[in-house]
Amino acid sequence: MCNHFKKRKIPGPRPIPILGNFHHIIKRGMPYNDLAMIKKYGKTFGYFEGSTPVVETTDTQFLKSILIKDFNLFINRRVIEAINLVLLKVHRTMPSYI
């Protein structure tokens, strides 16, 4: 677990067994933890939610590559249900002539 991101040359905090880096999220809260990790590790970093590795990025070119150009190569992306609900609500409220 400790070498997962290191051998891929992705910066990030060292995880602890079982919890990974979840203790930081609990301590700071998700948005503040994300901001602290961006400040410390840069635009792209890796951390563990329990034993699940997560790569987080704010690099728009990298996101474009993942979400559009190389979409088929990244099959295990997380689905964010809140975004899906907002998009569904917007779609339902749009006039039918659009």
Protein backbone atom coordinates (compact mmCIF):
# COMPACT_ATOMS: atom_id res chain seq x y z
CA MET A 1 0.00 0.00 0.00
CA CYS A 2 2.79 2.46 0.87
CA ASN A 3 4.59 1.94 -2.44
CA HIS A 4 1.53 2.10 -4.70
CA PHE A 5 1.89 5.77 -5.68
CA LYS A 6 5.63 6.00 -5.04
CA LYS A 7 6.48 3.51 -7.79
CA ARG A 8 4.15 5.43 -10.16
CA LYS A 9 5.87 8.71 -9.19
CA ILE A 10 2.63 10.26 -7.95
CA PRO A 11 3.10 12.43 -4.83
CA GLY A 12 0.84 12.07 -1.82
CA PRO A 13 0.64 11.43 1.91
CA ARG A 14 1.83 8.16 3.43
CA PRO A 15 -1.19 5.97 4.32
CA ILE A 16 -1.70 4.07 7.56
CA PRO A 17 -2.92 0.44 7.52
CA ILE A 18 -6.68 -0.12 7.15
CA LEU A 19 -7.63 3.61 7.25
CA GLY A 20 -5.32 4.77 4.47
CA ASN A 21 -5.50 8.57 4.61
CA PHE A 22 -9.11 8.69 5.77
CA HIS A 23 -8.04 10.06 9.16
CA HIS A 24 -7.02 13.33 7.45
CA ILE A 25 -10.44 13.62 5.80
CA ILE A 26 -12.19 13.06 9.14
CA LYS A 27 -9.91 15.55 10.91
CA ARG A 28 -10.11 18.39 8.35
CA GLY A 29 -13.28 17.66 6.39
CA MET A 30 -13.24 16.74 2.69
CA PRO A 31 -12.98 20.21 1.09
CA TYR A 32 -10.31 21.47 3.51
CA ASN A 33 -8.36 18.23 3.20
CA ASP A 34 -8.41 18.56 -0.60
CA LEU A 35 -7.15 22.15 -0.41
CA ALA A 36 -4.38 21.20 2.04
CA MET A 37 -3.25 18.31 -0.18
CA ILE A 38 -3.28 20.48 -3.33
CA LYS A 39 -1.16 23.06 -1.52
CA LYS A 40 1.30 20.43 -0.28
CA TYR A 41 1.48 17.97 -3.23
CA GLY A 42 0.48 20.01 -6.28
CA LYS A 43 -2.22 19.65 -8.94
CA THR A 44 -2.16 15.84 -9.09
CA PHE A 45 -1.66 13.55 -6.10
CA GLY A 46 -2.65 10.16 -4.77
CA TYR A 47 -4.11 9.05 -1.46
CA PHE A 48 -5.97 6.08 0.00
CA GLU A 49 -9.58 5.91 1.14
CA GLY A 50 -9.18 2.84 3.29
CA SER A 51 -7.36 0.41 1.02
CA THR A 52 -8.69 2.01 -2.20
CA PRO A 53 -6.16 4.13 -4.10
CA VAL A 54 -7.50 7.47 -5.36
CA VAL A 55 -5.81 9.89 -7.76
CA GLU A 56 -7.09 13.44 -7.49
CA THR A 57 -6.24 16.20 -9.95
CA THR A 58 -7.04 19.82 -10.66
CA ASP A 59 -4.96 19.83 -13.86
CA THR A 60 -7.44 20.72 -16.60
CA GLN A 61 -5.33 19.24 -19.41
CA PHE A 62 -5.03 15.95 -17.52
CA LEU A 63 -8.78 15.94 -16.87
CA LYS A 64 -9.49 16.58 -20.54
CA SER A 65 -7.26 13.66 -21.45
CA ILE A 66 -8.96 11.33 -18.95
CA LEU A 67 -12.55 12.37 -19.64
CA ILE A 68 -12.42 12.88 -23.41
CA LYS A 69 -9.30 11.77 -25.27
CA ASP A 70 -8.46 8.56 -23.38
CA PHE A 71 -11.95 7.92 -21.97
CA ASN A 72 -11.87 4.18 -22.73
CA LEU A 73 -8.58 3.66 -20.82
CA PHE A 74 -9.95 4.92 -17.49
CA ILE A 75 -12.75 2.48 -16.71
CA ASN A 76 -12.83 2.81 -12.91
CA ARG A 77 -13.78 6.46 -12.53
CA ARG A 78 -15.92 7.36 -9.55
CA VAL A 79 -19.50 8.39 -10.30
CA ILE A 80 -20.55 11.47 -8.34
CA GLU A 81 -24.27 11.04 -7.78
CA ALA A 82 -24.87 14.67 -6.77
CA ILE A 83 -23.71 15.86 -10.19
CA ASN A 84 -25.94 13.31 -11.92
CA LEU A 85 -28.95 14.49 -9.90
CA VAL A 86 -28.28 18.15 -10.77
CA LEU A 87 -27.92 17.33 -14.46
CA LEU A 88 -31.13 15.27 -14.39
CA LYS A 89 -33.00 18.13 -12.69
CA VAL A 90 -31.69 20.64 -15.25
CA HIS A 91 -32.64 18.33 -18.10
CA ARG A 92 -36.20 17.90 -16.74
CA THR A 93 -36.72 21.66 -16.38
CA MET A 94 -35.46 22.54 -19.87
CA PRO A 95 -38.13 23.50 -22.39
CA SER A 96 -38.78 20.75 -24.93
CA TYR A 97 -38.01 23.02 -27.91
CA ILE A 98 -34.33 23.32 -26.93
